[in-house]
């Protein structure tokens, strides 16, 4: 299966699950379970508050506010793409 660098791994998993169902109808139950797990992972992304708490706990005030804000925004972008 060729991978598109602009799609997230979860999107690729969902596509693969659909292909499995199409290619192997007897595997549909397992493929739908994989798709369900991928949807659950996608739905459970850390909130902004959770990311802020992570940065604050990790950096313990050693990062200036402007860098803290950039770090949090970068983490949010990473989490969105990783979905």
N, C-alpha and C. Protein backbone atom coordinates (compact mmCIF):
# COMPACT_ATOMS: atom_id res chain seq x y z
N UNK A 1 0.85 -1.18 0.00
CA UNK A 1 0.00 0.00 0.00
C UNK A 1 0.89 1.23 0.00
N UNK A 2 0.81 2.07 -1.04
CA UNK A 2 1.62 3.29 -1.06
C UNK A 2 1.12 4.26 0.00
N UNK A 3 2.05 4.97 0.62
CA UNK A 3 1.66 5.92 1.65
C UNK A 3 1.79 7.33 1.13
N UNK A 4 0.86 8.16 1.51
CA UNK A 4 0.84 9.57 1.15
C UNK A 4 1.36 10.35 2.34
N UNK A 5 2.46 11.11 2.18
CA UNK A 5 3.02 11.81 3.32
C UNK A 5 2.10 12.89 3.89
N UNK A 6 1.06 13.28 3.14
CA UNK A 6 0.15 14.31 3.62
C UNK A 6 -1.04 13.75 4.40
N UNK A 7 -1.16 12.43 4.47
CA UNK A 7 -2.25 11.85 5.26
C UNK A 7 -1.70 11.31 6.57
N UNK A 8 -2.53 11.34 7.56
CA UNK A 8 -2.10 10.87 8.87
C UNK A 8 -2.09 9.35 8.90
N UNK A 9 -1.34 8.77 9.82
CA UNK A 9 -1.34 7.31 9.94
C UNK A 9 -2.73 6.73 10.21
N UNK A 10 -3.54 7.44 10.97
CA UNK A 10 -4.89 6.92 11.24
C UNK A 10 -5.74 6.89 9.97
N UNK A 11 -5.57 7.90 9.12
CA UNK A 11 -6.29 7.88 7.84
C UNK A 11 -5.84 6.69 7.00
N UNK A 12 -4.55 6.41 7.03
CA UNK A 12 -4.02 5.27 6.29
C UNK A 12 -4.55 3.96 6.84
N UNK A 13 -4.68 3.87 8.17
CA UNK A 13 -5.24 2.67 8.80
C UNK A 13 -6.69 2.49 8.38
N UNK A 14 -7.45 3.57 8.37
CA UNK A 14 -8.86 3.49 7.97
C UNK A 14 -8.98 3.04 6.51
N UNK A 15 -8.13 3.58 5.65
CA UNK A 15 -8.14 3.18 4.24
C UNK A 15 -7.80 1.71 4.10
N UNK A 16 -6.78 1.26 4.82
CA UNK A 16 -6.39 -0.15 4.77
C UNK A 16 -7.52 -1.06 5.27
N UNK A 17 -8.20 -0.65 6.32
CA UNK A 17 -9.32 -1.45 6.84
C UNK A 17 -10.41 -1.59 5.78
N UNK A 18 -10.71 -0.50 5.07
CA UNK A 18 -11.71 -0.57 4.00
C UNK A 18 -11.25 -1.51 2.87
N UNK A 19 -9.95 -1.43 2.54
CA UNK A 19 -9.42 -2.32 1.50
C UNK A 19 -9.50 -3.78 1.93
N UNK A 20 -9.24 -4.05 3.19
CA UNK A 20 -9.33 -5.42 3.70
C UNK A 20 -10.75 -5.94 3.56
N UNK A 21 -11.72 -5.11 3.89
CA UNK A 21 -13.13 -5.52 3.77
C UNK A 21 -13.46 -5.82 2.31
N UNK A 22 -12.98 -4.97 1.40
CA UNK A 22 -13.26 -5.17 -0.02
C UNK A 22 -12.58 -6.44 -0.55
N UNK A 23 -11.34 -6.67 -0.13
CA UNK A 23 -10.57 -7.80 -0.66
C UNK A 23 -10.88 -9.13 0.02
N UNK A 24 -11.31 -9.07 1.26
CA UNK A 24 -11.52 -10.30 2.03
C UNK A 24 -12.77 -10.15 2.89
N UNK A 25 -13.94 -10.37 2.31
CA UNK A 25 -15.18 -10.21 3.08
C UNK A 25 -15.21 -11.02 4.36
N UNK A 26 -14.54 -12.16 4.40
CA UNK A 26 -14.55 -12.95 5.63
C UNK A 26 -13.71 -12.29 6.73
N UNK A 27 -12.89 -11.29 6.37
CA UNK A 27 -12.07 -10.56 7.34
C UNK A 27 -12.74 -9.27 7.81
N UNK A 28 -13.97 -9.03 7.36
CA UNK A 28 -14.66 -7.77 7.63
C UNK A 28 -14.78 -7.48 9.13
N UNK A 29 -15.00 -8.51 9.93
CA UNK A 29 -15.15 -8.30 11.38
C UNK A 29 -13.89 -7.74 11.99
N UNK A 30 -12.75 -8.33 11.64
CA UNK A 30 -11.47 -7.84 12.18
C UNK A 30 -11.15 -6.46 11.64
N UNK A 31 -11.42 -6.23 10.35
CA UNK A 31 -11.14 -4.92 9.76
C UNK A 31 -12.00 -3.84 10.40
N UNK A 32 -13.25 -4.15 10.69
CA UNK A 32 -14.11 -3.15 11.32
C UNK A 32 -13.66 -2.86 12.75
N UNK A 33 -13.11 -3.86 13.42
CA UNK A 33 -12.57 -3.63 14.76
C UNK A 33 -11.35 -2.72 14.69
N UNK A 34 -10.49 -2.92 13.71
CA UNK A 34 -9.33 -2.04 13.52
C UNK A 34 -9.80 -0.62 13.25
N UNK A 35 -10.80 -0.46 12.39
CA UNK A 35 -11.33 0.87 12.08
C UNK A 35 -11.92 1.51 13.33
N UNK A 36 -12.62 0.72 14.16
CA UNK A 36 -13.20 1.25 15.40
C UNK A 36 -12.10 1.76 16.33
N UNK A 37 -11.02 1.00 16.46
CA UNK A 37 -9.91 1.43 17.32
C UNK A 37 -9.29 2.72 16.79
N UNK A 38 -9.14 2.81 15.48
CA UNK A 38 -8.57 4.03 14.89
C UNK A 38 -9.45 5.24 15.17
N UNK A 39 -10.77 5.05 15.07
CA UNK A 39 -11.69 6.16 15.37
C UNK A 39 -11.59 6.57 16.84
N UNK A 40 -11.47 5.60 17.74
CA UNK A 40 -11.34 5.91 19.17
C UNK A 40 -10.05 6.68 19.45
N UNK A 41 -8.97 6.29 18.79
CA UNK A 41 -7.72 7.01 18.97
C UNK A 41 -7.86 8.44 18.47
N UNK A 42 -8.50 8.59 17.32
CA UNK A 42 -8.68 9.93 16.73
C UNK A 42 -9.51 10.83 17.65
N UNK A 43 -10.54 10.24 18.27
CA UNK A 43 -11.43 11.03 19.13
C UNK A 43 -10.77 11.47 20.43
N UNK A 44 -9.78 10.74 20.87
CA UNK A 44 -9.15 11.05 22.16
C UNK A 44 -7.81 11.76 21.94
N UNK A 45 -7.92 13.03 21.65
CA UNK A 45 -6.72 13.85 21.52
C UNK A 45 -6.60 14.70 22.78
N UNK A 46 -5.39 14.97 23.24
CA UNK A 46 -5.27 15.82 24.42
C UNK A 46 -5.79 17.23 24.14
N UNK A 47 -6.42 17.80 25.12
CA UNK A 47 -6.95 19.16 24.99
C UNK A 47 -5.82 20.17 25.14
N UNK A 48 -6.14 21.41 24.82
CA UNK A 48 -5.16 22.49 25.00
C UNK A 48 -4.71 22.55 26.45
N UNK A 49 -5.67 22.40 27.37
CA UNK A 49 -5.34 22.48 28.79
C UNK A 49 -4.39 21.34 29.20
N UNK A 50 -4.63 20.16 28.65
CA UNK A 50 -3.75 19.03 28.96
C UNK A 50 -2.35 19.26 28.41
N UNK A 51 -2.26 19.83 27.21
CA UNK A 51 -0.95 20.13 26.64
C UNK A 51 -0.24 21.24 27.42
N UNK A 52 -1.00 22.23 27.87
CA UNK A 52 -0.41 23.29 28.69
C UNK A 52 0.13 22.71 29.99
N UNK A 53 -0.65 21.83 30.61
CA UNK A 53 -0.20 21.21 31.86
C UNK A 53 1.05 20.36 31.63
N UNK A 54 1.10 19.67 30.50
CA UNK A 54 2.28 18.88 30.17
C UNK A 54 3.51 19.76 30.03
N UNK A 55 3.38 20.86 29.29
CA UNK A 55 4.51 21.78 29.11
C UNK A 55 4.92 22.38 30.44
N UNK A 56 3.96 22.81 31.23
CA UNK A 56 4.28 23.42 32.52
C UNK A 56 4.96 22.42 33.46
N UNK A 57 4.48 21.19 33.47
CA UNK A 57 5.08 20.18 34.34
C UNK A 57 6.47 19.80 33.87
N UNK A 58 6.67 19.79 32.58
CA UNK A 58 7.96 19.39 32.03
C UNK A 58 8.99 20.50 32.12
N UNK A 59 8.59 21.70 31.81
CA UNK A 59 9.54 22.82 31.74
C UNK A 59 9.69 23.56 33.07
N UNK A 60 8.73 23.44 33.95
CA UNK A 60 8.77 24.03 35.29
C UNK A 60 9.19 25.51 35.28
N UNK A 61 8.60 26.28 34.37
CA UNK A 61 8.85 27.72 34.34
C UNK A 61 10.16 28.13 33.70
N UNK A 62 10.89 27.20 33.11
CA UNK A 62 12.18 27.55 32.51
C UNK A 62 12.06 28.05 31.08
N UNK A 63 10.86 28.03 30.53
CA UNK A 63 10.64 28.49 29.16
C UNK A 63 9.89 29.82 29.21
N UNK A 64 10.41 30.85 28.51
CA UNK A 64 9.70 32.13 28.46
C UNK A 64 8.29 31.96 27.87
N UNK A 65 7.40 32.86 28.22
CA UNK A 65 5.99 32.75 27.80
C UNK A 65 5.82 32.63 26.29
N UNK A 66 6.60 33.41 25.52
CA UNK A 66 6.43 33.34 24.07
C UNK A 66 6.86 31.97 23.53
N UNK A 67 7.91 31.41 24.08
CA UNK A 67 8.35 30.08 23.65
C UNK A 67 7.38 29.01 24.15
N UNK A 68 6.84 29.21 25.34
CA UNK A 68 5.85 28.28 25.88
C UNK A 68 4.65 28.21 24.95
N UNK A 69 4.18 29.38 24.52
CA UNK A 69 3.02 29.44 23.62
C UNK A 69 3.34 28.73 22.30
N UNK A 70 4.52 28.97 21.74
CA UNK A 70 4.91 28.31 20.49
C UNK A 70 5.02 26.79 20.68
N UNK A 71 5.55 26.37 21.80
CA UNK A 71 5.68 24.95 22.09
C UNK A 71 4.30 24.29 22.18
N UNK A 72 3.38 24.93 22.86
CA UNK A 72 2.02 24.38 22.99
C UNK A 72 1.34 24.32 21.63
N UNK A 73 1.47 25.37 20.83
CA UNK A 73 0.86 25.38 19.50
C UNK A 73 1.50 24.31 18.61
N UNK A 74 2.81 24.13 18.74
CA UNK A 74 3.49 23.09 17.97
C UNK A 74 3.01 21.70 18.36
N UNK A 75 2.83 21.49 19.66
CA UNK A 75 2.31 20.19 20.13
C UNK A 75 0.89 19.96 19.62
N UNK A 76 0.09 21.00 19.61
CA UNK A 76 -1.30 20.87 19.12
C UNK A 76 -1.30 20.49 17.64
N UNK A 77 -0.40 21.14 16.87
CA UNK A 77 -0.31 20.81 15.44
C UNK A 77 0.16 19.38 15.25
N UNK A 78 1.11 18.95 16.05
CA UNK A 78 1.61 17.58 15.96
C UNK A 78 0.49 16.59 16.28
N UNK A 79 -0.28 16.86 17.30
CA UNK A 79 -1.37 15.97 17.70
C UNK A 79 -2.42 15.91 16.60
N UNK A 80 -2.73 17.06 15.99
CA UNK A 80 -3.73 17.07 14.90
C UNK A 80 -3.24 16.24 13.73
N UNK A 81 -1.96 16.38 13.36
CA UNK A 81 -1.45 15.63 12.21
C UNK A 81 -1.35 14.15 12.54
N UNK A 82 -1.03 13.85 13.76
CA UNK A 82 -0.86 12.45 14.16
C UNK A 82 -2.17 11.70 14.21
N UNK A 83 -3.29 12.41 14.13
CA UNK A 83 -4.58 11.72 14.19
C UNK A 83 -4.72 10.83 13.03
